[in-house]
PDB file of N, CA and C in Angstrom:
ATOM      1  N   MET A   1      71.406 118.007 -12.456  1.00  0.00           N
ATOM      2  CA  MET A   1      71.931 119.400 -12.453  1.00  0.00           C
ATOM      3  C   MET A   1      72.789 119.557 -13.258  1.00  0.00           C
ATOM      4  N   SER A   2      72.894 120.709 -13.638  1.00  0.00           N
ATOM      5  CA  SER A   2      73.555 121.132 -15.005  1.00  0.00           C
ATOM      6  C   SER A   2      74.743 122.246 -13.938  1.00  0.00           C
ATOM      7  N   LEU A   3      75.740 122.270 -14.824  1.00  0.00           N
ATOM      8  CA  LEU A   3      76.701 123.240 -14.353  1.00  0.00           C
ATOM      9  C   LEU A   3      76.213 124.825 -14.448  1.00  0.00           C
ATOM     10  N   SER A   4      76.822 125.590 -13.940  1.00  0.00           N
ATOM     11  CA  SER A   4      76.664 127.081 -14.068  1.00  0.00           C
ATOM     12  C   SER A   4      77.527 127.568 -15.082  1.00  0.00           C
ATOM     13  N   ALA A   5      77.379 128.827 -15.555  1.00  0.00           N
ATOM     14  CA  ALA A   5      78.345 129.458 -16.561  1.00  0.00           C
ATOM     15  C   ALA A   5      79.458 129.670 -16.160  1.00  0.00           C
ATOM     16  N   ASP A   6      79.510 130.139 -14.922  1.00  0.00           N
ATOM     17  CA  ASP A   6      80.908 130.156 -14.128  1.00  0.00           C
ATOM     18  C   ASP A   6      81.798 128.971 -14.094  1.00  0.00           C
ATOM     19  N   GLU A   7      81.038 127.840 -13.816  1.00  0.00           N
ATOM     20  CA  GLU A   7      81.664 126.369 -13.801  1.00  0.00           C
ATOM     21  C   GLU A   7      82.099 125.789 -15.109  1.00  0.00           C
ATOM     22  N   LYS A   8      81.467 126.290 -15.974  1.00  0.00           N
ATOM     23  CA  LYS A   8      81.888 125.843 -17.522  1.00  0.00           C
ATOM     24  C   LYS A   8      83.268 126.798 -17.633  1.00  0.00           C
ATOM     25  N   LYS A   9      82.939 127.913 -17.589  1.00  0.00           N
ATOM     26  CA  LYS A   9      84.062 129.003 -17.889  1.00  0.00           C
ATOM     27  C   LYS A   9      85.495 128.331 -17.262  1.00  0.00           C
ATOM     28  N   PHE A  10      85.615 128.094 -15.622  1.00  0.00           N
ATOM     29  CA  PHE A  10      86.362 127.441 -15.177  1.00  0.00           C
ATOM     30  C   PHE A  10      86.916 126.272 -15.635  1.00  0.00           C
ATOM     31  N   LEU A  11      86.001 125.122 -15.979  1.00  0.00           N
ATOM     32  CA  LEU A  11      86.440 124.125 -16.559  1.00  0.00           C
ATOM     33  C   LEU A  11      87.230 124.279 -18.003  1.00  0.00           C
ATOM     34  N   ALA A  12      86.714 125.098 -18.909  1.00  0.00           N
ATOM     35  CA  ALA A  12      87.739 125.752 -20.056  1.00  0.00           C
ATOM     36  C   ALA A  12      89.018 126.323 -19.929  1.00  0.00           C
ATOM     37  N   TYR A  13      88.937 126.935 -18.917  1.00  0.00           N
ATOM     38  CA  TYR A  13      90.369 127.844 -18.510  1.00  0.00           C
ATOM     39  C   TYR A  13      91.148 127.036 -17.859  1.00  0.00           C
ATOM     40  N   TRP A  14      90.784 126.043 -17.002  1.00  0.00           N
ATOM     41  CA  TRP A  14      91.534 125.277 -16.383  1.00  0.00           C
ATOM     42  C   TRP A  14      91.970 124.133 -17.165  1.00  0.00           C
ATOM     43  N   GLU A  15      91.404 123.492 -18.219  1.00  0.00           N
ATOM     44  CA  GLU A  15      91.585 122.548 -19.099  1.00  0.00           C
ATOM     45  C   GLU A  15      92.735 123.135 -19.957  1.00  0.00           C
ATOM     46  N   ALA A  16      92.733 124.585 -20.550  1.00  0.00           N
ATOM     47  CA  ALA A  16      93.552 125.159 -20.977  1.00  0.00           C
ATOM     48  C   ALA A  16      95.161 125.507 -20.650  1.00  0.00           C
ATOM     49  N   ASN A  17      95.030 125.690 -19.105  1.00  0.00           N
ATOM     50  CA  ASN A  17      96.217 126.124 -18.463  1.00  0.00           C
ATOM     51  C   ASN A  17      96.608 125.471 -17.362  1.00  0.00           C
ATOM     52  N   ARG A  18      96.261 124.308 -16.995  1.00  0.00           N
ATOM     53  CA  ARG A  18      96.366 123.338 -15.961  1.00  0.00           C
ATOM     54  C   ARG A  18      97.909 123.011 -15.875  1.00  0.00           C
ATOM     55  N   LEU A  19      98.170 122.563 -17.174  1.00  0.00           N
ATOM     56  CA  LEU A  19      99.779 121.869 -17.279  1.00  0.00           C
ATOM     57  C   LEU A  19     100.827 123.245 -17.251  1.00  0.00           C
ATOM     58  N   ARG A  20     100.359 124.231 -17.934  1.00  0.00           N
ATOM     59  CA  ARG A  20     101.185 125.499 -17.713  1.00  0.00           C
ATOM     60  C   ARG A  20     101.589 126.036 -16.457  1.00  0.00           C
ATOM     61  N   GLU A  21     100.690 126.106 -15.678  1.00  0.00           N
ATOM     62  CA  GLU A  21     100.358 126.457 -14.163  1.00  0.00           C
ATOM     63  C   GLU A  21     101.234 125.341 -13.394  1.00  0.00           C
ATOM     64  N   LYS A  22     101.407 124.448 -13.740  1.00  0.00           N
ATOM     65  CA  LYS A  22     102.050 123.315 -12.990  1.00  0.00           C
ATOM     66  C   LYS A  22     103.618 123.405 -12.919  1.00  0.00           C
ATOM     67  N   ARG A  23     103.920 123.877 -14.016  1.00  0.00           N
ATOM     68  CA  ARG A  23     105.260 124.089 -14.197  1.00  0.00           C
ATOM     69  C   ARG A  23     106.045 125.047 -13.068  1.00  0.00           C
ATOM     70  N   LEU A  24     106.920 124.583 -12.387  1.00  0.00           N
ATOM     71  CA  LEU A  24     108.015 125.071 -11.773  1.00  0.00           C
ATOM     72  C   LEU A  24     108.631 126.595 -11.982  1.00  0.00           C
ATOM     73  N   THR A  25     108.685 126.793 -13.337  1.00  0.00           N
ATOM     74  CA  THR A  25     109.116 128.387 -13.791  1.00  0.00           C
ATOM     75  C   THR A  25     107.695 129.317 -13.653  1.00  0.00           C
ATOM     76  N   THR A  26     106.975 128.520 -14.101  1.00  0.00           N
ATOM     77  CA  THR A  26     105.632 129.715 -13.996  1.00  0.00           C
ATOM     78  C   THR A  26     105.186 129.617 -12.493  1.00  0.00           C
ATOM     79  N   GLN A  27     105.074 128.809 -11.645  1.00  0.00           N
ATOM     80  CA  GLN A  27     105.113 128.772 -10.220  1.00  0.00           C
ATOM     81  C   GLN A  27     105.829 129.917  -9.636  1.00  0.00           C
ATOM     82  N   LEU A  28     107.166 129.716  -9.910  1.00  0.00           N
ATOM     83  CA  LEU A  28     108.157 130.536  -9.345  1.00  0.00           C
ATOM     84  C   LEU A  28     107.989 132.194 -10.012  1.00  0.00           C
ATOM     85  N   MET A  29     107.734 132.461 -11.231  1.00  0.00           N
ATOM     86  CA  MET A  29     107.594 133.649 -11.654  1.00  0.00           C
ATOM     87  C   MET A  29     106.205 134.062 -11.233  1.00  0.00           C
ATOM     88  N   TYR A  30     105.157 133.638 -11.060  1.00  0.00           N
ATOM     89  CA  TYR A  30     104.003 134.073 -10.467  1.00  0.00           C
ATOM     90  C   TYR A  30     103.940 134.495  -9.013  1.00  0.00           C
ATOM     91  N   GLY A  31     104.707 133.582  -8.247  1.00  0.00           N
ATOM     92  CA  GLY A  31     104.918 133.402  -6.778  1.00  0.00           C
ATOM     93  C   GLY A  31     105.807 134.461  -6.086  1.00  0.00           C
ATOM     94  N   LEU A  32     106.700 134.473  -7.043  1.00  0.00           N
ATOM     95  CA  LEU A  32     107.728 135.602  -6.501  1.00  0.00           C
ATOM     96  C   LEU A  32     107.352 136.702  -5.820  1.00  0.00           C
ATOM     97  N   PRO A  33     106.368 137.561  -6.172  1.00  0.00           N
ATOM     98  CA  PRO A  33     106.028 138.679  -5.559  1.00  0.00           C
ATOM     99  C   PRO A  33     105.754 138.535  -4.076  1.00  0.00           C
ATOM    100  N   MET A  34     104.879 137.452  -4.014  1.00  0.00           N
ATOM    101  CA  MET A  34     104.521 136.968  -2.644  1.00  0.00           C
ATOM    102  C   MET A  34     105.636 136.525  -1.530  1.00  0.00           C
ATOM    103  N   GLY A  35     106.375 135.704  -2.300  1.00  0.00           N
ATOM    104  CA  GLY A  35     107.769 135.653  -1.621  1.00  0.00           C
ATOM    105  C   GLY A  35     108.409 136.622  -1.165  1.00  0.00           C
ATOM    106  N   ILE A  36     108.444 137.655  -2.194  1.00  0.00           N
ATOM    107  CA  ILE A  36     109.380 139.211  -1.825  1.00  0.00           C
ATOM    108  C   ILE A  36     108.690 139.762  -0.651  1.00  0.00           C
ATOM    109  N   LEU A  37     107.384 139.820  -0.536  1.00  0.00           N
ATOM    110  CA  LEU A  37     106.708 140.274   0.722  1.00  0.00           C
ATOM    111  C   LEU A  37     106.784 139.833   1.924  1.00  0.00           C
ATOM    112  N   PHE A  38     107.236 138.483   1.964  1.00  0.00           N
ATOM    113  CA  PHE A  38     107.706 138.062   3.159  1.00  0.00           C
ATOM    114  C   PHE A  38     109.155 138.109   3.420  1.00  0.00           C
ATOM    115  N   ALA A  39     109.924 138.351   2.598  1.00  0.00           N
ATOM    116  CA  ALA A  39     111.401 138.428   2.800  1.00  0.00           C
ATOM    117  C   ALA A  39     112.108 139.988   2.941  1.00  0.00           C
ATOM    118  N   VAL A  40     111.064 140.656   2.431  1.00  0.00           N
ATOM    119  CA  VAL A  40     111.405 142.166   2.552  1.00  0.00           C
ATOM    120  C   VAL A  40     111.555 142.520   3.963  1.00  0.00           C
ATOM    121  N   PRO A  41     110.272 142.325   4.911  1.00  0.00           N
ATOM    122  CA  PRO A  41     110.427 142.703   6.016  1.00  0.00           C
ATOM    123  C   PRO A  41     111.694 142.240   6.980  1.00  0.00           C
ATOM    124  N   ILE A  42     112.017 140.965   6.681  1.00  0.00           N
ATOM    125  CA  ILE A  42     113.213 140.453   7.387  1.00  0.00           C
ATOM    126  C   ILE A  42     114.421 141.463   7.198  1.00  0.00           C
ATOM    127  N   ILE A  43     114.740 141.683   5.898  1.00  0.00           N
ATOM    128  CA  ILE A  43     115.891 142.997   5.964  1.00  0.00           C
ATOM    129  C   ILE A  43     115.462 144.077   6.575  1.00  0.00           C
ATOM    130  N   VAL A  44     114.237 144.631   6.310  1.00  0.00           N
ATOM    131  CA  VAL A  44     113.978 145.872   7.084  1.00  0.00           C
ATOM    132  C   VAL A  44     114.431 145.734   8.610  1.00  0.00           C
ATOM    133  N   ASN A  45     113.772 144.498   9.079  1.00  0.00           N
ATOM    134  CA  ASN A  45     113.833 144.477  10.619  1.00  0.00           C
ATOM    135  C   ASN A  45     115.631 144.179  11.019  1.00  0.00           C
ATOM    136  N   PHE A  46     116.378 143.619   9.979  1.00  0.00           N
ATOM    137  CA  PHE A  46     117.600 143.547  10.533  1.00  0.00           C
ATOM    138  C   PHE A  46     118.316 144.828  10.302  1.00  0.00           C
ATOM    139  N   LEU A  47     117.848 145.711   9.126  1.00  0.00           N
ATOM    140  CA  LEU A  47     118.583 146.726   9.102  1.00  0.00           C
ATOM    141  C   LEU A  47     118.326 147.960  10.131  1.00  0.00           C
ATOM    142  N   MET A  48     116.948 147.814  10.764  1.00  0.00           N
ATOM    143  CA  MET A  48     116.244 148.732  11.607  1.00  0.00           C
ATOM    144  C   MET A  48     116.818 148.301  13.139  1.00  0.00           C
ATOM    145  N   GLY A  49     117.126 147.425  13.373  1.00  0.00           N
ATOM    146  CA  GLY A  49     117.362 147.035  14.596  1.00  0.00           C
ATOM    147  C   GLY A  49     118.823 147.744  15.229  1.00  0.00           C
ATOM    148  N   ARG A  50     119.554 148.074  14.318  1.00  0.00           N
ATOM    149  CA  ARG A  50     120.674 148.896  14.509  1.00  0.00           C
ATOM    150  C   ARG A  50     120.329 150.288  15.183  1.00  0.00           C
ATOM    151  N   PHE A  51     119.265 150.742  15.253  1.00  0.00           N
ATOM    152  CA  PHE A  51     118.893 151.993  15.677  1.00  0.00           C
ATOM    153  C   PHE A  51     118.094 151.844  17.098  1.00  0.00           C
ATOM    154  N   TRP A  52     117.854 150.867  17.115  1.00  0.00           N
ATOM    155  CA  TRP A  52     117.166 150.732  18.600  1.00  0.00           C
ATOM    156  C   TRP A  52     117.907 149.926  19.762  1.00  0.00           C
ATOM    157  N   TYR A  53     118.809 149.186  19.346  1.00  0.00           N
ATOM    158  CA  TYR A  53     119.641 148.498  20.303  1.00  0.00           C
ATOM    159  C   TYR A  53     120.781 148.301  19.673  1.00  0.00           C
ATOM    160  N   LYS A  54     121.690 149.094  20.343  1.00  0.00           N
ATOM    161  CA  LYS A  54     122.909 149.503  19.946  1.00  0.00           C
ATOM    162  C   LYS A  54     124.149 148.452  20.446  1.00  0.00           C
ATOM    163  N   ARG A  55     124.007 147.628  21.619  1.00  0.00           N
ATOM    164  CA  ARG A  55     124.905 146.450  21.790  1.00  0.00           C
ATOM    165  C   ARG A  55     124.382 145.398  21.006  1.00  0.00           C
ATOM    166  N   ALA A  56     123.263 144.966  20.772  1.00  0.00           N
ATOM    167  CA  ALA A  56     123.159 143.741  19.609  1.00  0.00           C
ATOM    168  C   ALA A  56     123.645 144.187  18.533  1.00  0.00           C
ATOM    169  N   ASP A  57     123.710 145.405  18.033  1.00  0.00           N
ATOM    170  CA  ASP A  57     123.977 145.710  16.469  1.00  0.00           C
ATOM    171  C   ASP A  57     125.574 145.554  16.681  1.00  0.00           C
ATOM    172  N   ALA A  58     126.379 146.101  17.640  1.00  0.00           N
ATOM    173  CA  ALA A  58     127.686 145.643  17.731  1.00  0.00           C
ATOM    174  C   ALA A  58     128.181 144.569  17.607  1.00  0.00           C
ATOM    175  N   VAL A  59     127.591 143.546  18.426  1.00  0.00           N
ATOM    176  CA  VAL A  59     127.722 141.904  18.416  1.00  0.00           C
ATOM    177  C   VAL A  59     127.273 141.490  17.041  1.00  0.00           C
ATOM    178  N   GLY A  60     126.053 141.876  16.689  1.00  0.00           N
ATOM    179  CA  GLY A  60     125.746 141.246  15.217  1.00  0.00           C
ATOM    180  C   GLY A  60     126.456 141.620  14.121  1.00  0.00           C
ATOM    181  N   MET A  61     127.237 143.029  14.265  1.00  0.00           N
ATOM    182  CA  MET A  61     128.159 143.158  12.854  1.00  0.00           C
ATOM    183  C   MET A  61     129.606 142.917  12.949  1.00  0.00           C
ATOM    184  N   SER A  62     129.633 142.123  14.278  1.00  0.00           N
ATOM    185  CA  SER A  62     131.133 141.645  14.453  1.00  0.00           C
ATOM    186  C   SER A  62     130.827 140.222  13.840  1.00  0.00           C
ATOM    187  N   GLN A  63     129.650 139.344  13.919  1.00  0.00           N
ATOM    188  CA  GLN A  63     129.809 138.324  13.240  1.00  0.00           C
ATOM    189  C   GLN A  63     128.736 138.210  12.182  1.00  0.00           C
ATOM    190  N   PHE A  64     128.433 139.234  11.332  1.00  0.00           N
ATOM    191  CA  PHE A  64     127.596 139.352  10.220  1.00  0.00           C
ATOM    192  C   PHE A  64     128.356 139.053   8.864  1.00  0.00           C
ATOM    193  N   SER A  65     127.569 138.266   8.147  1.00  0.00           N
ATOM    194  CA  SER A  65     128.073 137.835   6.814  1.00  0.00           C
ATOM    195  C   SER A  65     126.850 138.275   5.829  1.00  0.00           C
ATOM    196  N   PRO A  66     127.262 139.370   5.062  1.00  0.00           N
ATOM    197  CA  PRO A  66     126.107 139.759   4.014  1.00  0.00           C
ATOM    198  C   PRO A  66     125.451 138.702   3.136  1.00  0.00           C
ATOM    199  N   THR A  67     126.655 137.795   2.471  1.00  0.00           N
ATOM    200  CA  THR A  67     126.170 136.680   2.159  1.00  0.00           C
ATOM    201  C   THR A  67     125.254 135.743   2.614  1.00  0.00           C
ATOM    202  N   VAL A  68     125.322 135.455   3.757  1.00  0.00           N
ATOM    203  CA  VAL A  68     124.440 134.718   4.337  1.00  0.00           C
ATOM    204  C   VAL A  68     123.114 135.199   4.460  1.00  0.00           C
ATOM    205  N   LEU A  69     122.962 136.636   4.445  1.00  0.00           N
ATOM    206  CA  LEU A  69     121.643 137.068   4.690  1.00  0.00           C
ATOM    207  C   LEU A  69     121.184 137.033   3.145  1.00  0.00           C
ATOM    208  N   VAL A  70     121.752 137.666   2.454  1.00  0.00           N
ATOM    209  CA  VAL A  70     120.939 137.522   0.873  1.00  0.00           C
ATOM    210  C   VAL A  70     120.561 136.085   0.542  1.00  0.00           C
ATOM    211  N   VAL A  71     121.411 135.149   1.109  1.00  0.00           N
ATOM    212  CA  VAL A  71     121.009 133.704   0.472  1.00  0.00           C
ATOM    213  C   VAL A  71     119.725 133.442   1.463  1.00  0.00           C
ATOM    214  N   ALA A  72     119.859 133.378   2.570  1.00  0.00           N
ATOM    215  CA  ALA A  72     118.861 133.078   3.504  1.00  0.00           C
ATOM    216  C   ALA A  72     117.518 134.220   2.926  1.00  0.00           C
ATOM    217  N   VAL A  73     117.592 135.154   2.697  1.00  0.00           N
ATOM    218  CA  VAL A  73     116.186 136.112   2.373  1.00  0.00           C
ATOM    219  C   VAL A  73     115.691 135.513   0.889  1.00  0.00           C
ATOM    220  N   LEU A  74     116.652 135.019  -0.095  1.00  0.00           N
ATOM    221  CA  LEU A  74     116.591 134.477  -1.427  1.00  0.00           C
ATOM    222  C   LEU A  74     115.812 133.135  -1.080  1.00  0.00           C
ATOM    223  N   LEU A  75     116.322 132.457  -0.275  1.00  0.00           N
ATOM    224  CA  LEU A  75     115.823 131.120   0.008  1.00  0.00           C
ATOM    225  C   LEU A  75     114.238 131.034   0.661  1.00  0.00           C
ATOM    226  N   ILE A  76     114.039 132.197   1.311  1.00  0.00           N
ATOM    227  CA  ILE A  76     112.883 132.314   2.010  1.00  0.00           C
ATOM    228  C   ILE A  76     111.874 132.716   1.039  1.00  0.00           C
ATOM    229  N   ALA A  77     112.195 133.761   0.044  1.00  0.00           N
ATOM    230  CA  ALA A  77     111.452 134.289  -1.000  1.00  0.00           C
ATOM    231  C   ALA A  77     111.135 132.951  -1.971  1.00  0.00           C
ATOM    232  N   VAL A  78     111.994 132.090  -2.354  1.00  0.00           N
ATOM    233  CA  VAL A  78     111.540 131.060  -3.136  1.00  0.00           C
ATOM    234  C   VAL A  78     110.470 130.232  -2.594  1.00  0.00           C
ATOM    235  N   PHE A  79     110.954 129.683  -1.324  1.00  0.00           N
ATOM    236  CA  PHE A  79     110.312 128.668  -0.603  1.00  0.00           C
ATOM    237  C   PHE A  79     108.808 129.182  -0.605  1.00  0.00           C
ATOM    238  N   ILE A  80     108.746 130.436  -0.170  1.00  0.00           N
ATOM    239  CA  ILE A  80     107.090 131.251   0.211  1.00  0.00           C
ATOM    240  C   ILE A  80     106.590 131.078  -1.266  1.00  0.00           C
ATOM    241  N   ALA A  81     107.156 131.499  -2.471  1.00  0.00           N
ATOM    242  CA  ALA A  81     106.659 131.690  -3.708  1.00  0.00           C
ATOM    243  C   ALA A  81     106.139 130.239  -4.143  1.00  0.00           C
ATOM    244  N   LEU A  82     107.145 129.113  -4.080  1.00  0.00           N
ATOM    245  CA  LEU A  82     106.570 127.961  -4.539  1.00  0.00           C
ATOM    246  C   LEU A  82     105.537 127.459  -3.920  1.00  0.00           C
ATOM    247  N   ILE A  83     105.577 127.375  -2.565  1.00  0.00           N
ATOM    248  CA  ILE A  83     104.272 126.876  -1.534  1.00  0.00           C
ATOM    249  C   ILE A  83     103.151 127.554  -2.061  1.00  0.00           C
ATOM    250  N   ASN A  84     103.204 128.659  -1.689  1.00  0.00           N
ATOM    251  CA  ASN A  84     102.184 129.393  -2.507  1.00  0.00           C
ATOM    252  C   ASN A  84     101.335 129.225  -3.426  1.00  0.00           C
ATOM    253  N   ARG A  85     102.051 129.109  -4.763  1.00  0.00           N
ATOM    254  CA  ARG A  85     101.740 128.761  -5.866  1.00  0.00           C
ATOM    255  C   ARG A  85     101.048 127.313  -6.100  1.00  0.00           C
ATOM    256  N   ARG A  86     102.051 126.306  -5.569  1.00  0.00           N
ATOM    257  CA  ARG A  86     101.597 124.927  -5.469  1.00  0.00           C
ATOM    258  C   ARG A  86     100.435 124.705  -4.828  1.00  0.00           C
ATOM    259  N   PHE A  87     100.131 125.525  -3.733  1.00  0.00           N
ATOM    260  CA  PHE A  87      98.917 124.953  -2.955  1.00  0.00           C
ATOM    261  C   PHE A  87      97.505 125.708  -3.781  1.00  0.00           C
ATOM    262  N   ARG A  88      98.021 126.940  -4.425  1.00  0.00           N
ATOM    263  CA  ARG A  88      96.670 127.278  -5.324  1.00  0.00           C
ATOM    264  C   ARG A  88      96.302 126.486  -6.370  1.00  0.00           C
ATOM    265  N   TRP A  89      97.690 125.843  -7.036  1.00  0.00           N
ATOM    266  CA  TRP A  89      97.231 124.937  -8.067  1.00  0.00           C
ATOM    267  C   TRP A  89      96.605 123.705  -7.423  1.00  0.00           C
ATOM    268  N   GLU A  90      97.070 123.051  -6.489  1.00  0.00           N
ATOM    269  CA  GLU A  90      96.109 121.943  -5.903  1.00  0.00           C
ATOM    270  C   GLU A  90      95.065 122.262  -5.491  1.00  0.00           C
ATOM    271  N   LYS A  91      94.794 123.492  -5.075  1.00  0.00           N
ATOM    272  CA  LYS A  91      93.332 124.037  -4.926  1.00  0.00           C
ATOM    273  C   LYS A  91      92.249 123.997  -6.083  1.00  0.00           C
ATOM    274  N   LEU A  92      92.880 124.765  -7.101  1.00  0.00           N
ATOM    275  CA  LEU A  92      92.066 124.587  -8.408  1.00  0.00           C
ATOM    276  C   LEU A  92      91.952 123.248  -9.145  1.00  0.00           C
ATOM    277  N   GLU A  93      93.046 122.698  -8.883  1.00  0.00           N
ATOM    278  CA  GLU A  93      93.067 121.147  -9.554  1.00  0.00           C
ATOM    279  C   GLU A  93      91.834 120.347  -8.648  1.00  0.00           C
ATOM    280  N   GLN A  94      91.623 120.449  -7.486  1.00  0.00           N
ATOM    281  CA  GLN A  94      90.517 119.829  -6.680  1.00  0.00           C
ATOM    282  C   GLN A  94      89.060 120.459  -7.330  1.00  0.00           C
ATOM    283  N   GLN A  95      89.144 121.585  -7.298  1.00  0.00           N
ATOM    284  CA  GLN A  95      88.093 122.242  -7.817  1.00  0.00           C
ATOM    285  C   GLN A  95      87.613 121.547  -9.151  1.00  0.00           C
ATOM    286  N   TYR A  96      88.667 121.616 -10.057  1.00  0.00           N
ATOM    287  CA  TYR A  96      88.562 120.935 -11.494  1.00  0.00           C
ATOM    288  C   TYR A  96      87.834 119.514 -11.179  1.00  0.00           C
ATOM    289  N   LEU A  97      88.497 118.882 -10.808  1.00  0.00           N
ATOM    290  CA  LEU A  97      88.117 117.395 -10.548  1.00  0.00           C
ATOM    291  C   LEU A  97      86.679 117.082  -9.971  1.00  0.00           C
ATOM    292  N   GLU A  98      86.449 117.936  -8.924  1.00  0.00           N
ATOM    293  CA  GLU A  98      84.835 117.983  -8.379  1.00  0.00           C
ATOM    294  C   GLU A  98      83.939 118.556  -9.323  1.00  0.00           C
ATOM    295  N   ILE A  99      84.258 119.528 -10.148  1.00  0.00           N
ATOM    296  CA  ILE A  99      83.290 120.151 -10.852  1.00  0.00           C
ATOM    297  C   ILE A  99      83.010 118.578 -11.912  1.00  0.00           C
ATOM    298  N   GLN A 100      84.418 118.455 -12.586  1.00  0.00           N
ATOM    299  CA  GLN A 100      84.156 117.206 -13.580  1.00  0.00           C
ATOM    300  C   GLN A 100      83.510 116.297 -13.366  1.00  0.00           C
ATOM    301  N   SER A 101      83.886 115.795 -11.885  1.00  0.00           N
ATOM    302  CA  SER A 101      82.816 114.645 -11.465  1.00  0.00           C
ATOM    303  C   SER A 101      81.382 114.688 -11.570  1.00  0.00           C
ATOM    304  N   ARG A 102      80.974 115.939 -10.743  1.00  0.00           N
ATOM    305  CA  ARG A 102      79.666 116.489 -11.030  1.00  0.00           C
ATOM    306  C   ARG A 102      78.755 116.332 -12.690  1.00  0.00           C
ATOM    307  N   GLU A 103      79.717 116.988 -13.524  1.00  0.00           N
ATOM    308  CA  GLU A 103      79.230 116.697 -14.746  1.00  0.00           C
ATOM    309  C   GLU A 103      79.003 115.500 -15.366  1.00  0.00           C
ATOM    310  N   LYS A 104      80.153 114.733 -14.996  1.00  0.00           N
ATOM    311  CA  LYS A 104      79.629 113.259 -15.269  1.00  0.00           C
ATOM    312  C   LYS A 104      78.689 112.538 -14.612  1.00  0.00           C
ATOM    313  N   THR A 105      78.271 112.593 -13.443  1.00  0.00           N
ATOM    314  CA  THR A 105      77.141 112.386 -12.654  1.00  0.00           C
ATOM    315  C   THR A 105      75.829 112.879 -13.364  1.00  0.00           C
ATOM    316  N   ALA A 106      76.210 114.110 -13.800  1.00  0.00           N
ATOM    317  CA  ALA A 106      74.736 114.763 -14.071  1.00  0.00           C
ATOM    318  C   ALA A 106      74.533 114.249 -15.506  1.00  0.00           C
ATOM    319  N   LYS A 107      75.539 113.819 -16.337  1.00  0.00           N
ATOM    320  CA  LYS A 107      75.365 113.094 -17.835  1.00  0.00           C
ATOM    321  C   LYS A 107      74.857 111.733 -17.639  1.00  0.00           C
ATOM    322  N   ILE A 108      75.204 111.123 -16.340  1.00  0.00           N
ATOM    323  CA  ILE A 108      74.544 109.701 -16.406  1.00  0.00           C
ATOM    324  C   ILE A 108      73.074 109.432 -15.938  1.00  0.00           C
ATOM    325  N   GLU A 109      72.848 110.573 -14.930  1.00  0.00           N
ATOM    326  CA  GLU A 109      71.390 110.721 -14.540  1.00  0.00           C
ATOM    327  C   GLU A 109      70.334 111.019 -15.911  1.00  0.00           C
ATOM    328  N   ASP A 110      71.147 111.697 -16.755  1.00  0.00           N
ATOM    329  CA  ASP A 110      70.366 112.479 -17.744  1.00  0.00           C
ATOM    330  C   ASP A 110      69.818 111.176 -18.865  1.00  0.00           C
TER     331      ASP A 110
END
């Protein structure tokens, strides 16, 4: 059983890009938009809370530190970005190894 054209394209792409996509900086750069999608609703929820529950807003603002909120949101964004891209890299690496294994098996059978 030979490989399809898509599988051959994927093998060529992944051989050329697998090490580049494994780097931390690349994963952070490409994953940060996803991390921000998770972090922005936290800020929005915090800011919108003052309109619907006045007492919680009064207590929250008396103990509030903007630095803690910013650091927490940044940490969440970076964590989600890295986890998302590492999971994607692992999935593509597994697919690459499976296709490579099938290719070797097909060569042995021929």
